[in-house]
Amino acid sequence: MSRVKQQAEIADYINTLLLKSRLPRNQLAAISGLNNTYIMDLEKGKFSNVRREKLIALAVALSLSLSETDDLLDFFDRAPLD
């Protein structure tokens, strides 16, 4: 898989999650403890190697269900919550 395709897939996935939440990025940043720039970089698909703890923090800020959180972790090849 090419780097560009990976970035596009990551960007699409993250943007889908962010659109469902309808929270502004600054609120997501405040809730998750991630900074606005980091979230913007995720939206652009700039990271493929995101730490599990950051993904969990983002999932909490987005109010994802346990299943959705596990899907997010699986997308980035991280261990599930259970």
Protein backbone atom coordinates (compact mmCIF):
# COMPACT_ATOMS: atom_id res chain seq x y z
CA MET A 1 0.00 0.00 0.00
CA SER A 2 1.39 3.38 -0.95
CA ARG A 3 2.06 6.09 1.62
CA VAL A 4 -0.42 8.43 -0.08
CA LYS A 5 -3.16 5.82 0.02
CA GLN A 6 -2.45 5.16 3.68
CA GLN A 7 -2.66 8.88 4.44
CA ALA A 8 -5.93 9.15 2.53
CA GLU A 9 -7.44 6.16 4.34
CA ILE A 10 -6.35 7.48 7.73
CA ALA A 11 -7.68 10.96 6.92
CA ASP A 12 -11.03 9.55 5.76
CA TYR A 13 -11.40 7.38 8.84
CA ILE A 14 -10.50 10.12 11.33
CA ASN A 15 -12.64 12.72 9.56
CA THR A 16 -15.63 10.38 9.61
CA LEU A 17 -15.24 10.01 13.38
CA LEU A 18 -14.81 13.75 13.90
CA LEU A 19 -17.85 14.64 11.80
CA LYS A 20 -20.03 12.27 13.82
CA SER A 21 -19.02 13.96 17.07
CA ARG A 22 -19.90 17.51 15.94
CA LEU A 23 -17.63 18.92 18.64
CA PRO A 24 -15.23 21.67 17.63
CA ARG A 25 -11.59 20.64 17.46
CA ASN A 26 -10.65 22.86 20.41
CA GLN A 27 -13.18 21.05 22.63
CA LEU A 28 -11.92 17.66 21.45
CA ALA A 29 -8.41 18.82 22.24
CA ALA A 30 -9.41 19.96 25.72
CA ILE A 31 -11.26 16.73 26.50
CA SER A 32 -8.65 14.39 25.03
CA GLY A 33 -5.53 16.22 26.19
CA LEU A 34 -4.26 16.24 22.61
CA ASN A 35 -3.42 19.60 21.07
CA ASN A 36 -5.25 21.13 18.12
CA THR A 37 -2.28 20.69 15.81
CA TYR A 38 -2.04 16.97 16.59
CA ILE A 39 -5.74 16.49 15.85
CA MET A 40 -5.39 18.48 12.61
CA ASP A 41 -2.47 16.26 11.60
CA LEU A 42 -4.59 13.18 12.31
CA GLU A 43 -7.34 14.67 10.13
CA LYS A 44 -4.80 14.97 7.31
CA GLY A 45 -3.62 11.40 7.81
CA LYS A 46 -0.09 12.47 8.70
CA PHE A 47 0.32 9.79 11.36
CA SER A 48 0.11 6.06 10.88
CA ASN A 49 1.91 5.18 14.12
CA VAL A 50 -0.30 6.70 16.80
CA ARG A 51 0.21 5.61 20.40
CA ARG A 52 -2.57 3.51 21.88
CA GLU A 53 -3.06 5.93 24.77
CA LYS A 54 -3.65 8.82 22.37
CA LEU A 55 -6.19 6.82 20.41
CA ILE A 56 -8.03 5.93 23.61
CA ALA A 57 -8.00 9.58 24.70
CA LEU A 58 -9.44 10.57 21.32
CA ALA A 59 -12.08 7.85 21.56
CA VAL A 60 -13.14 9.10 25.00
CA ALA A 61 -13.35 12.69 23.72
CA LEU A 62 -15.45 11.50 20.78
CA SER A 63 -17.71 9.48 23.13
CA LEU A 64 -17.12 6.32 21.12
CA SER A 65 -18.65 3.07 22.29
CA LEU A 66 -16.36 0.24 23.37
CA SER A 67 -16.88 -1.43 20.02
CA GLU A 68 -16.08 1.77 18.12
CA THR A 69 -13.01 2.31 20.28
CA ASP A 70 -11.81 -1.21 19.52
CA ASP A 71 -12.41 -0.52 15.81
CA LEU A 72 -10.27 2.62 16.08
CA LEU A 73 -7.52 0.73 17.87
CA ASP A 74 -7.71 -2.08 15.30
CA PHE A 75 -7.48 0.42 12.44
CA PHE A 76 -4.12 1.54 13.81
CA ASP A 77 -3.04 -2.03 14.66
CA ARG A 78 -3.24 -1.50 18.41
CA ALA A 79 -4.42 -3.93 21.08
CA PRO A 80 -8.16 -3.79 21.84
CA LEU A 81 -9.52 -2.66 25.18
CA ASP A 82 -10.72 -6.09 26.26
